[in-house]
Amino acid sequence: MSAPLAIQAPPKLEKKPVKFSNLLLGAGLNMFEVTTLGQPLEVVKTTMAANRSDGFAGAMAKIWSRGGVLGFYQGLIPWAWIEASTKGAVLLFVASEAEFYAKSFGAPDFLAGISGGMTGGLAQAYATMGFCTCMKTVEITKHKVAAAGMKPPGTMETFMEIWRKEGIRGINKGVNAVAVRQVTNWGSRFGLSRVAETGIRRVTGKEHGEKLGVIEKITASALGGGLSAWNQPIEVIRVEMQSKTEDPKRPKNLTVGKTLKYIYSEHGVKGLYRGVTPRIGLGVWQTVCMVALGDIAKEAVEKLTGEKVTAKH
């Protein structure tokens, strides 16, 4: 009589720990990315989205007139730095939890990864990115005060003025649009990067899990990041909701729907895609920083903390 077949127990589901070394790596790479080319591309993108009648050359001239090279770094300190140093931590904590719960309900790895990223993106928007993007946009679009010959108020002065007049709603203006952008960004970036990686593996003959080279990794992630710019209309809506550019035709108390209608009536579909080129450039630069510098940064963080970094980059 043959022995009964042993039934293998399913592997125990374990929650990924959120390590200090992972948070430090994410914050360090984000800070480097935004302080180098990230903020200049963000400023160009925001200026084009806020001043939709100007082309690329007009936006560049406008930024240069606000202080030469320094004009391209408006909103960097403290807002872009606060956002860069905190958004990674929020994403890692929330995505880790969401991915664990998705898997506990039986979701496959790919779906759990996407839902983790999207939930993390949503948390990023409401925890830190809402007020940071709002204040960066205010900084970038408040040049009308300077154009009138008056000295524009400083960063904290602007923040306190908005806080006094409009409270927490004022500094979080456009946060719902930020949330939609983050959720669609993470979902499409994750999915599109995976599709691009599959294509690259097929072309290079690495279909059986072989390690991809740096250039191949960058190409896959850059395609995912670049193609994720399909949701640029929600970014233009976000900028318009947060903008300090004066326009008598603009409706009061803007919502996402009202803003979409207003931009479309003034500039059509083209207006909704203003600033898409620097946005794609920004996605590619973020990828280059994360992938090309990831290994160097990983080594440095491991030496500093004595912990093994487990985050993928």
C-alpha atoms as a PDB file:
ATOM      1  CA  MET A   1       0.000   0.000   0.000  1.00  0.00           C
ATOM      2  CA  SER A   2       1.510   3.322  -1.072  1.00  0.00           C
ATOM      3  CA  ALA A   3       2.239   6.004   1.539  1.00  0.00           C
ATOM      4  CA  PRO A   4      -0.273   8.888   1.601  1.00  0.00           C
ATOM      5  CA  LEU A   5       0.889  12.006  -0.271  1.00  0.00           C
ATOM      6  CA  ALA A   6       2.129  14.788   2.014  1.00  0.00           C
ATOM      7  CA  ILE A   7       0.156  17.980   1.450  1.00  0.00           C
ATOM      8  CA  GLN A   8       2.453  20.977   1.459  1.00  0.00           C
ATOM      9  CA  ALA A   9       1.307  23.842   3.666  1.00  0.00           C
ATOM     10  CA  PRO A  10       1.125  27.202   1.862  1.00  0.00           C
ATOM     11  CA  PRO A  11       4.075  29.491   2.691  1.00  0.00           C
ATOM     12  CA  LYS A  12       3.453  31.653   5.751  1.00  0.00           C
ATOM     13  CA  LEU A  13       2.607  35.210   4.781  1.00  0.00           C
ATOM     14  CA  GLU A  14       5.009  37.641   6.396  1.00  0.00           C
ATOM     15  CA  LYS A  15       4.817  41.414   6.533  1.00  0.00           C
ATOM     16  CA  LYS A  16       7.893  43.143   5.125  1.00  0.00           C
ATOM     17  CA  PRO A  17       9.632  45.095   7.906  1.00  0.00           C
ATOM     18  CA  VAL A  18      10.121  48.826   7.304  1.00  0.00           C
ATOM     19  CA  LYS A  19      13.800  49.401   8.065  1.00  0.00           C
ATOM     20  CA  PHE A  20      15.493  52.684   8.948  1.00  0.00           C
ATOM     21  CA  SER A  21      18.122  51.940   6.259  1.00  0.00           C
ATOM     22  CA  ASN A  22      15.360  51.733   3.590  1.00  0.00           C
ATOM     23  CA  LEU A  23      13.887  55.068   4.708  1.00  0.00           C
ATOM     24  CA  LEU A  24      17.328  56.701   4.692  1.00  0.00           C
ATOM     25  CA  LEU A  25      18.094  55.372   1.206  1.00  0.00           C
ATOM     26  CA  GLY A  26      14.761  56.644  -0.187  1.00  0.00           C
ATOM     27  CA  ALA A  27      15.126  60.079   1.444  1.00  0.00           C
ATOM     28  CA  GLY A  28      18.757  60.433   0.286  1.00  0.00           C
ATOM     29  CA  LEU A  29      18.017  59.539  -3.341  1.00  0.00           C
ATOM     30  CA  ASN A  30      14.909  61.777  -3.420  1.00  0.00           C
ATOM     31  CA  MET A  31      16.868  64.718  -1.940  1.00  0.00           C
ATOM     32  CA  PHE A  32      19.646  64.295  -4.528  1.00  0.00           C
ATOM     33  CA  GLU A  33      17.139  64.006  -7.401  1.00  0.00           C
ATOM     34  CA  VAL A  34      15.177  67.144  -6.465  1.00  0.00           C
ATOM     35  CA  THR A  35      18.254  69.297  -5.643  1.00  0.00           C
ATOM     36  CA  THR A  36      19.947  68.576  -8.982  1.00  0.00           C
ATOM     37  CA  LEU A  37      17.694  68.530 -12.066  1.00  0.00           C
ATOM     38  CA  GLY A  38      14.406  67.625 -10.360  1.00  0.00           C
ATOM     39  CA  GLN A  39      13.345  71.062  -9.134  1.00  0.00           C
ATOM     40  CA  PRO A  40      14.299  72.954 -12.353  1.00  0.00           C
ATOM     41  CA  LEU A  41      12.165  70.482 -14.374  1.00  0.00           C
ATOM     42  CA  GLU A  42       9.340  70.830 -11.805  1.00  0.00           C
ATOM     43  CA  VAL A  43       9.515  74.648 -12.106  1.00  0.00           C
ATOM     44  CA  VAL A  44       9.404  74.521 -15.953  1.00  0.00           C
ATOM     45  CA  LYS A  45       6.506  72.020 -15.857  1.00  0.00           C
ATOM     46  CA  THR A  46       4.527  74.117 -13.334  1.00  0.00           C
ATOM     47  CA  THR A  47       5.192  77.415 -15.169  1.00  0.00           C
ATOM     48  CA  MET A  48       3.996  75.917 -18.483  1.00  0.00           C
ATOM     49  CA  ALA A  49       0.909  74.393 -16.830  1.00  0.00           C
ATOM     50  CA  ALA A  50       0.032  77.696 -15.074  1.00  0.00           C
ATOM     51  CA  ASN A  51       0.702  79.941 -18.118  1.00  0.00           C
ATOM     52  CA  ARG A  52      -0.788  77.845 -20.892  1.00  0.00           C
ATOM     53  CA  SER A  53      -0.488  80.542 -23.574  1.00  0.00           C
ATOM     54  CA  ASP A  54       3.318  80.503 -23.235  1.00  0.00           C
ATOM     55  CA  GLY A  55       5.343  77.888 -25.031  1.00  0.00           C
ATOM     56  CA  PHE A  56       8.534  76.251 -23.730  1.00  0.00           C
ATOM     57  CA  ALA A  57      10.691  79.277 -24.676  1.00  0.00           C
ATOM     58  CA  GLY A  58       8.224  81.696 -23.011  1.00  0.00           C
ATOM     59  CA  ALA A  59       8.239  79.651 -19.801  1.00  0.00           C
ATOM     60  CA  MET A  60      12.059  79.571 -19.744  1.00  0.00           C
ATOM     61  CA  ALA A  61      12.224  83.359 -20.223  1.00  0.00           C
ATOM     62  CA  LYS A  62       9.647  83.905 -17.452  1.00  0.00           C
ATOM     63  CA  ILE A  63      11.596  81.694 -15.009  1.00  0.00           C
ATOM     64  CA  TRP A  64      14.923  83.357 -15.890  1.00  0.00           C
ATOM     65  CA  SER A  65      13.407  86.816 -15.255  1.00  0.00           C
ATOM     66  CA  ARG A  66      12.554  85.679 -11.694  1.00  0.00           C
ATOM     67  CA  GLY A  67      16.225  85.483 -10.661  1.00  0.00           C
ATOM     68  CA  GLY A  68      18.366  83.844 -13.342  1.00  0.00           C
ATOM     69  CA  VAL A  69      19.524  80.340 -12.407  1.00  0.00           C
ATOM     70  CA  LEU A  70      17.964  80.671  -8.922  1.00  0.00           C
ATOM     71  CA  GLY A  71      14.569  81.149 -10.579  1.00  0.00           C
ATOM     72  CA  PHE A  72      14.727  77.461 -11.542  1.00  0.00           C
ATOM     73  CA  TYR A  73      15.077  76.504  -7.863  1.00  0.00           C
ATOM     74  CA  GLN A  74      12.066  78.431  -6.516  1.00  0.00           C
ATOM     75  CA  GLY A  75      10.162  76.377  -3.961  1.00  0.00           C
ATOM     76  CA  LEU A  76      13.131  74.044  -3.313  1.00  0.00           C
ATOM     77  CA  ILE A  77      13.701  75.157   0.290  1.00  0.00           C
ATOM     78  CA  PRO A  78      11.855  74.135   2.383  1.00  0.00           C
ATOM     79  CA  TRP A  79       8.872  72.701   0.447  1.00  0.00           C
ATOM     80  CA  ALA A  80      10.562  70.414  -2.116  1.00  0.00           C
ATOM     81  CA  TRP A  81      13.034  69.225   0.546  1.00  0.00           C
ATOM     82  CA  ILE A  82      10.227  68.444   3.040  1.00  0.00           C
ATOM     83  CA  GLU A  83       8.360  66.530   0.327  1.00  0.00           C
ATOM     84  CA  ALA A  84      11.456  64.632  -0.880  1.00  0.00           C
ATOM     85  CA  SER A  85      12.576  63.596   2.597  1.00  0.00           C
ATOM     86  CA  THR A  86       9.151  62.442   3.847  1.00  0.00           C
ATOM     87  CA  LYS A  87       7.217  61.032   0.878  1.00  0.00           C
ATOM     88  CA  GLY A  88       9.414  57.913   0.647  1.00  0.00           C
ATOM     89  CA  ALA A  89       8.798  57.047   4.319  1.00  0.00           C
ATOM     90  CA  VAL A  90       5.021  57.487   3.947  1.00  0.00           C
ATOM     91  CA  LEU A  91       5.027  55.364   0.780  1.00  0.00           C
ATOM     92  CA  LEU A  92       7.107  52.551   2.323  1.00  0.00           C
ATOM     93  CA  PHE A  93       5.040  52.316   5.522  1.00  0.00           C
ATOM     94  CA  VAL A  94       1.624  52.422   3.833  1.00  0.00           C
ATOM     95  CA  ALA A  95       2.547  50.373   0.729  1.00  0.00           C
ATOM     96  CA  SER A  96       4.037  47.659   2.946  1.00  0.00           C
ATOM     97  CA  GLU A  97       0.798  47.417   4.998  1.00  0.00           C
ATOM     98  CA  ALA A  98      -1.501  47.573   1.934  1.00  0.00           C
ATOM     99  CA  GLU A  99       0.533  44.937   0.058  1.00  0.00           C
ATOM    100  CA  PHE A 100       0.420  42.605   3.084  1.00  0.00           C
ATOM    101  CA  TYR A 101      -3.380  42.914   3.427  1.00  0.00           C
ATOM    102  CA  ALA A 102      -3.920  42.494  -0.336  1.00  0.00           C
ATOM    103  CA  LYS A 103      -1.885  39.236  -0.223  1.00  0.00           C
ATOM    104  CA  SER A 104      -3.797  38.071   2.881  1.00  0.00           C
ATOM    105  CA  PHE A 105      -7.002  38.351   0.801  1.00  0.00           C
ATOM    106  CA  GLY A 106      -5.423  36.139  -1.859  1.00  0.00           C
ATOM    107  CA  ALA A 107      -4.211  38.785  -4.361  1.00  0.00           C
ATOM    108  CA  PRO A 108      -1.306  37.657  -6.606  1.00  0.00           C
ATOM    109  CA  ASP A 109       2.087  39.416  -6.181  1.00  0.00           C
ATOM    110  CA  PHE A 110       1.645  41.724  -9.199  1.00  0.00           C
ATOM    111  CA  LEU A 111      -1.820  42.935  -8.096  1.00  0.00           C
ATOM    112  CA  ALA A 112      -0.683  43.261  -4.467  1.00  0.00           C
ATOM    113  CA  GLY A 113       2.316  45.342  -5.627  1.00  0.00           C
ATOM    114  CA  ILE A 114       0.114  47.687  -7.676  1.00  0.00           C
ATOM    115  CA  SER A 115      -2.477  48.103  -4.889  1.00  0.00           C
ATOM    116  CA  GLY A 116       0.321  48.725  -2.352  1.00  0.00           C
ATOM    117  CA  GLY A 117       1.847  51.433  -4.554  1.00  0.00           C
ATOM    118  CA  MET A 118      -1.516  53.069  -5.263  1.00  0.00           C
ATOM    119  CA  THR A 119      -2.540  53.107  -1.579  1.00  0.00           C
ATOM    120  CA  GLY A 120       0.921  54.464  -0.681  1.00  0.00           C
ATOM    121  CA  GLY A 121       0.536  57.167  -3.347  1.00  0.00           C
ATOM    122  CA  LEU A 122      -2.849  58.152  -1.891  1.00  0.00           C
ATOM    123  CA  ALA A 123      -1.342  58.420   1.600  1.00  0.00           C
ATOM    124  CA  GLN A 124       1.579  60.493   0.210  1.00  0.00           C
ATOM    125  CA  ALA A 125      -0.863  63.023  -1.240  1.00  0.00           C
ATOM    126  CA  TYR A 126      -2.833  63.584   1.964  1.00  0.00           C
ATOM    127  CA  ALA A 127       0.078  63.296   4.432  1.00  0.00           C
ATOM    128  CA  THR A 128       2.808  65.514   2.972  1.00  0.00           C
ATOM    129  CA  MET A 129       2.538  66.136  -0.770  1.00  0.00           C
ATOM    130  CA  GLY A 130      -0.705  68.148  -0.687  1.00  0.00           C
ATOM    131  CA  PHE A 131       0.609  71.161   1.205  1.00  0.00           C
ATOM    132  CA  CYS A 132       4.152  70.830  -0.237  1.00  0.00           C
ATOM    133  CA  THR A 133       2.991  70.907  -3.887  1.00  0.00           C
ATOM    134  CA  CYS A 134       0.595  73.725  -3.019  1.00  0.00           C
ATOM    135  CA  MET A 135       3.356  75.855  -1.479  1.00  0.00           C
ATOM    136  CA  LYS A 136       5.808  75.059  -4.326  1.00  0.00           C
ATOM    137  CA  THR A 137       3.189  76.146  -6.888  1.00  0.00           C
ATOM    138  CA  VAL A 138       2.444  79.330  -4.917  1.00  0.00           C
ATOM    139  CA  GLU A 139       6.188  80.129  -4.862  1.00  0.00           C
ATOM    140  CA  ILE A 140       6.538  79.528  -8.601  1.00  0.00           C
ATOM    141  CA  THR A 141       3.413  81.444  -9.660  1.00  0.00           C
ATOM    142  CA  LYS A 142       3.497  84.504  -7.342  1.00  0.00           C
ATOM    143  CA  HIS A 143       5.693  86.528  -9.729  1.00  0.00           C
ATOM    144  CA  LYS A 144       2.855  89.034 -10.399  1.00  0.00           C
ATOM    145  CA  VAL A 145       3.789  90.808  -7.149  1.00  0.00           C
ATOM    146  CA  ALA A 146       7.373  91.235  -8.391  1.00  0.00           C
ATOM    147  CA  ALA A 147       6.137  92.326 -11.834  1.00  0.00           C
ATOM    148  CA  ALA A 148       4.157  95.124 -10.129  1.00  0.00           C
ATOM    149  CA  GLY A 149       7.423  96.457  -8.677  1.00  0.00           C
ATOM    150  CA  MET A 150       6.751  95.301  -5.104  1.00  0.00           C
ATOM    151  CA  LYS A 151       9.039  92.983  -3.117  1.00  0.00           C
ATOM    152  CA  PRO A 152       7.444  89.520  -3.091  1.00  0.00           C
ATOM    153  CA  PRO A 153       6.908  88.083   0.416  1.00  0.00           C
ATOM    154  CA  GLY A 154       9.251  85.345   1.683  1.00  0.00           C
ATOM    155  CA  THR A 155       8.332  81.658   1.780  1.00  0.00           C
ATOM    156  CA  MET A 156       7.207  81.471   5.419  1.00  0.00           C
ATOM    157  CA  GLU A 157       5.471  84.848   5.146  1.00  0.00           C
ATOM    158  CA  THR A 158       3.435  83.482   2.212  1.00  0.00           C
ATOM    159  CA  PHE A 159       2.658  80.287   4.132  1.00  0.00           C
ATOM    160  CA  MET A 160       1.461  82.210   7.227  1.00  0.00           C
ATOM    161  CA  GLU A 161      -0.646  84.576   5.120  1.00  0.00           C
ATOM    162  CA  ILE A 162      -2.460  81.646   3.435  1.00  0.00           C
ATOM    163  CA  TRP A 163      -2.841  79.933   6.833  1.00  0.00           C
ATOM    164  CA  ARG A 164      -4.388  83.075   8.392  1.00  0.00           C
ATOM    165  CA  LYS A 165      -6.793  83.690   5.494  1.00  0.00           C
ATOM    166  CA  GLU A 166      -7.811  80.145   4.516  1.00  0.00           C
ATOM    167  CA  GLY A 167      -6.508  77.805   7.228  1.00  0.00           C
ATOM    168  CA  ILE A 168      -5.653  74.171   6.494  1.00  0.00           C
ATOM    169  CA  ARG A 169      -7.858  74.120   3.369  1.00  0.00           C
ATOM    170  CA  GLY A 170      -5.832  76.948   1.876  1.00  0.00           C
ATOM    171  CA  ILE A 171      -2.460  75.214   2.236  1.00  0.00           C
ATOM    172  CA  ASN A 172      -3.953  71.938   0.996  1.00  0.00           C
ATOM    173  CA  LYS A 173      -5.639  73.448  -2.057  1.00  0.00           C
ATOM    174  CA  GLY A 174      -5.688  70.956  -4.925  1.00  0.00           C
ATOM    175  CA  VAL A 175      -4.945  67.995  -2.631  1.00  0.00           C
ATOM    176  CA  ASN A 176      -7.667  65.851  -4.264  1.00  0.00           C
ATOM    177  CA  ALA A 177      -6.046  66.413  -7.664  1.00  0.00           C
ATOM    178  CA  VAL A 178      -2.655  65.464  -6.140  1.00  0.00           C
ATOM    179  CA  ALA A 179      -4.253  62.275  -4.779  1.00  0.00           C
ATOM    180  CA  VAL A 180      -5.702  61.310  -8.197  1.00  0.00           C
ATOM    181  CA  ARG A 181      -2.311  62.023  -9.821  1.00  0.00           C
ATOM    182  CA  GLN A 182      -0.388  59.925  -7.260  1.00  0.00           C
ATOM    183  CA  VAL A 183      -2.757  56.946  -7.425  1.00  0.00           C
ATOM    184  CA  THR A 184      -2.844  56.846 -11.252  1.00  0.00           C
ATOM    185  CA  ASN A 185       0.911  57.528 -11.375  1.00  0.00           C
ATOM    186  CA  TRP A 186       1.860  54.627  -9.135  1.00  0.00           C
ATOM    187  CA  GLY A 187      -0.604  52.221 -10.716  1.00  0.00           C
ATOM    188  CA  SER A 188       0.433  52.957 -14.301  1.00  0.00           C
ATOM    189  CA  ARG A 189       4.154  53.333 -13.509  1.00  0.00           C
ATOM    190  CA  PHE A 190       4.264  49.927 -11.811  1.00  0.00           C
ATOM    191  CA  GLY A 191       2.265  48.224 -14.570  1.00  0.00           C
ATOM    192  CA  LEU A 192       3.985  49.924 -17.524  1.00  0.00           C
ATOM    193  CA  SER A 193       7.480  49.341 -16.098  1.00  0.00           C
ATOM    194  CA  ARG A 194       6.636  45.636 -15.750  1.00  0.00           C
ATOM    195  CA  VAL A 195       5.393  45.506 -19.396  1.00  0.00           C
ATOM    196  CA  ALA A 196       8.558  47.307 -20.597  1.00  0.00           C
ATOM    197  CA  GLU A 197      10.768  44.948 -18.549  1.00  0.00           C
ATOM    198  CA  THR A 198       9.045  41.894 -20.089  1.00  0.00           C
ATOM    199  CA  GLY A 199       9.717  43.314 -23.583  1.00  0.00           C
ATOM    200  CA  ILE A 200      13.388  44.011 -22.757  1.00  0.00           C
ATOM    201  CA  ARG A 201      13.837  40.482 -21.349  1.00  0.00           C
ATOM    202  CA  ARG A 202      12.351  39.037 -24.541  1.00  0.00           C
ATOM    203  CA  VAL A 203      14.662  41.102 -26.779  1.00  0.00           C
ATOM    204  CA  THR A 204      17.811  40.392 -24.701  1.00  0.00           C
ATOM    205  CA  GLY A 205      17.028  36.709 -24.087  1.00  0.00           C
ATOM    206  CA  LYS A 206      16.788  37.122 -20.293  1.00  0.00           C
ATOM    207  CA  GLU A 207      13.347  35.569 -19.940  1.00  0.00           C
ATOM    208  CA  HIS A 208      14.264  33.214 -17.093  1.00  0.00           C
ATOM    209  CA  GLY A 209      14.877  35.743 -14.316  1.00  0.00           C
ATOM    210  CA  GLU A 210      18.487  36.668 -15.197  1.00  0.00           C
ATOM    211  CA  LYS A 211      19.666  39.989 -13.716  1.00  0.00           C
ATOM    212  CA  LEU A 212      19.101  43.034 -15.915  1.00  0.00           C
ATOM    213  CA  GLY A 213      21.996  45.446 -16.527  1.00  0.00           C
ATOM    214  CA  VAL A 214      21.889  49.113 -15.360  1.00  0.00           C
ATOM    215  CA  ILE A 215      20.978  50.421 -18.852  1.00  0.00           C
ATOM    216  CA  GLU A 216      18.208  47.799 -19.198  1.00  0.00           C
ATOM    217  CA  LYS A 217      16.821  48.678 -15.741  1.00  0.00           C
ATOM    218  CA  ILE A 218      16.906  52.408 -16.550  1.00  0.00           C
ATOM    219  CA  THR A 219      15.194  51.816 -19.926  1.00  0.00           C
ATOM    220  CA  ALA A 220      12.364  49.764 -18.373  1.00  0.00           C
ATOM    221  CA  SER A 221      11.749  52.224 -15.508  1.00  0.00           C
ATOM    222  CA  ALA A 222      12.142  55.309 -17.740  1.00  0.00           C
ATOM    223  CA  LEU A 223       9.558  53.932 -20.180  1.00  0.00           C
ATOM    224  CA  GLY A 224       7.220  53.257 -17.240  1.00  0.00           C
ATOM    225  CA  GLY A 225       7.822  56.734 -15.785  1.00  0.00           C
ATOM    226  CA  GLY A 226       7.627  58.544 -19.135  1.00  0.00           C
ATOM    227  CA  LEU A 227       4.462  56.793 -20.310  1.00  0.00           C
ATOM    228  CA  SER A 228       2.831  57.513 -16.934  1.00  0.00           C
ATOM    229  CA  ALA A 229       2.641  61.150 -18.076  1.00  0.00           C
ATOM    230  CA  TRP A 230      -0.636  60.197 -19.865  1.00  0.00           C
ATOM    231  CA  ASN A 231      -2.340  61.654 -16.753  1.00  0.00           C
ATOM    232  CA  GLN A 232      -0.855  65.150 -17.349  1.00  0.00           C
ATOM    233  CA  PRO A 233      -4.376  66.718 -17.461  1.00  0.00           C
ATOM    234  CA  ILE A 234      -4.812  66.025 -13.726  1.00  0.00           C
ATOM    235  CA  GLU A 235      -1.396  67.650 -13.108  1.00  0.00           C
ATOM    236  CA  VAL A 236      -2.462  70.783 -15.073  1.00  0.00           C
ATOM    237  CA  ILE A 237      -5.723  70.832 -13.054  1.00  0.00           C
ATOM    238  CA  ARG A 238      -3.691  70.547  -9.823  1.00  0.00           C
ATOM    239  CA  VAL A 239      -1.426  73.461 -10.816  1.00  0.00           C
ATOM    240  CA  GLU A 240      -4.423  75.619 -11.802  1.00  0.00           C
ATOM    241  CA  MET A 241      -6.151  74.941  -8.472  1.00  0.00           C
ATOM    242  CA  GLN A 242      -3.008  75.924  -6.533  1.00  0.00           C
ATOM    243  CA  SER A 243      -1.832  78.746  -8.819  1.00  0.00           C
ATOM    244  CA  LYS A 244      -1.550  82.382  -7.770  1.00  0.00           C
ATOM    245  CA  THR A 245      -1.796  83.559 -11.407  1.00  0.00           C
ATOM    246  CA  GLU A 246      -4.647  86.067 -11.662  1.00  0.00           C
ATOM    247  CA  ASP A 247      -7.394  85.496 -14.252  1.00  0.00           C
ATOM    248  CA  PRO A 248     -10.782  87.241 -14.010  1.00  0.00           C
ATOM    249  CA  LYS A 249     -12.401  84.461 -16.089  1.00  0.00           C
ATOM    250  CA  ARG A 250     -11.391  81.763 -13.598  1.00  0.00           C
ATOM    251  CA  PRO A 251     -14.307  80.550 -11.437  1.00  0.00           C
ATOM    252  CA  LYS A 252     -14.129  80.981  -7.670  1.00  0.00           C
ATOM    253  CA  ASN A 253     -13.913  77.972  -5.276  1.00  0.00           C
ATOM    254  CA  LEU A 254     -12.364  75.652  -7.833  1.00  0.00           C
ATOM    255  CA  THR A 255     -13.079  71.932  -7.713  1.00  0.00           C
ATOM    256  CA  VAL A 256     -11.418  69.304  -9.951  1.00  0.00           C
ATOM    257  CA  GLY A 257     -14.492  69.291 -12.247  1.00  0.00           C
ATOM    258  CA  LYS A 258     -14.799  73.107 -12.467  1.00  0.00           C
ATOM    259  CA  THR A 259     -11.070  73.451 -13.179  1.00  0.00           C
ATOM    260  CA  LEU A 260     -11.184  70.835 -15.965  1.00  0.00           C
ATOM    261  CA  LYS A 261     -14.123  72.642 -17.603  1.00  0.00           C
ATOM    262  CA  TYR A 262     -12.390  76.036 -17.307  1.00  0.00           C
ATOM    263  CA  ILE A 263      -9.039  74.859 -18.791  1.00  0.00           C
ATOM    264  CA  TYR A 264     -10.779  72.985 -21.625  1.00  0.00           C
ATOM    265  CA  SER A 265     -12.987  76.007 -22.506  1.00  0.00           C
ATOM    266  CA  GLU A 266      -9.944  78.336 -22.583  1.00  0.00           C
ATOM    267  CA  HIS A 267      -7.246  76.165 -24.218  1.00  0.00           C
ATOM    268  CA  GLY A 268      -8.831  72.893 -25.361  1.00  0.00           C
ATOM    269  CA  VAL A 269      -7.139  69.478 -25.103  1.00  0.00           C
ATOM    270  CA  LYS A 270      -3.734  71.043 -25.847  1.00  0.00           C
ATOM    271  CA  GLY A 271      -4.016  73.152 -22.679  1.00  0.00           C
ATOM    272  CA  LEU A 272      -4.555  70.015 -20.594  1.00  0.00           C
ATOM    273  CA  TYR A 273      -1.202  68.628 -21.799  1.00  0.00           C
ATOM    274  CA  ARG A 274       0.851  71.795 -21.205  1.00  0.00           C
ATOM    275  CA  GLY A 275       4.163  70.925 -19.478  1.00  0.00           C
ATOM    276  CA  VAL A 276       4.074  67.243 -20.480  1.00  0.00           C
ATOM    277  CA  THR A 277       7.623  67.345 -21.975  1.00  0.00           C
ATOM    278  CA  PRO A 278       9.402  68.488 -18.762  1.00  0.00           C
ATOM    279  CA  ARG A 279       7.153  66.024 -16.867  1.00  0.00           C
ATOM    280  CA  ILE A 280       8.487  63.137 -19.006  1.00  0.00           C
ATOM    281  CA  GLY A 281      12.028  64.509 -18.483  1.00  0.00           C
ATOM    282  CA  LEU A 282      11.389  64.557 -14.730  1.00  0.00           C
ATOM    283  CA  GLY A 283      10.214  60.923 -14.779  1.00  0.00           C
ATOM    284  CA  VAL A 284      13.349  59.858 -16.678  1.00  0.00           C
ATOM    285  CA  TRP A 285      15.665  61.826 -14.325  1.00  0.00           C
ATOM    286  CA  GLN A 286      14.011  60.291 -11.242  1.00  0.00           C
ATOM    287  CA  THR A 287      14.603  56.852 -12.770  1.00  0.00           C
ATOM    288  CA  VAL A 288      18.268  57.556 -13.563  1.00  0.00           C
ATOM    289  CA  CYS A 289      18.818  58.717  -9.948  1.00  0.00           C
ATOM    290  CA  MET A 290      17.053  55.731  -8.401  1.00  0.00           C
ATOM    291  CA  VAL A 291      18.586  53.056 -10.647  1.00  0.00           C
ATOM    292  CA  ALA A 292      22.034  54.360 -11.621  1.00  0.00           C
ATOM    293  CA  LEU A 293      22.870  55.806  -8.198  1.00  0.00           C
ATOM    294  CA  GLY A 294      20.880  53.240  -6.222  1.00  0.00           C
ATOM    295  CA  ASP A 295      23.717  50.736  -5.763  1.00  0.00           C
ATOM    296  CA  ILE A 296      26.249  53.406  -4.712  1.00  0.00           C
ATOM    297  CA  ALA A 297      23.737  54.918  -2.247  1.00  0.00           C
ATOM    298  CA  LYS A 298      22.766  51.436  -0.983  1.00  0.00           C
ATOM    299  CA  GLU A 299      26.400  50.647  -0.138  1.00  0.00           C
ATOM    300  CA  ALA A 300      26.868  53.984   1.665  1.00  0.00           C
ATOM    301  CA  VAL A 301      23.664  53.546   3.728  1.00  0.00           C
ATOM    302  CA  GLU A 302      24.596  49.962   4.711  1.00  0.00           C
ATOM    303  CA  LYS A 303      28.007  51.169   5.929  1.00  0.00           C
ATOM    304  CA  LEU A 304      26.424  54.038   7.865  1.00  0.00           C
ATOM    305  CA  THR A 305      23.607  52.069   9.551  1.00  0.00           C
ATOM    306  CA  GLY A 306      25.099  48.560   9.692  1.00  0.00           C
ATOM    307  CA  GLU A 307      21.744  47.291   8.331  1.00  0.00           C
ATOM    308  CA  LYS A 308      21.168  45.458   5.062  1.00  0.00           C
ATOM    309  CA  VAL A 309      19.007  47.556   2.715  1.00  0.00           C
ATOM    310  CA  THR A 310      16.123  45.493   1.360  1.00  0.00           C
ATOM    311  CA  ALA A 311      14.306  48.184  -0.644  1.00  0.00           C
ATOM    312  CA  LYS A 312      14.235  47.764  -4.405  1.00  0.00           C
ATOM    313  CA  HIS A 313      15.319  50.800  -6.385  1.00  0.00           C
END
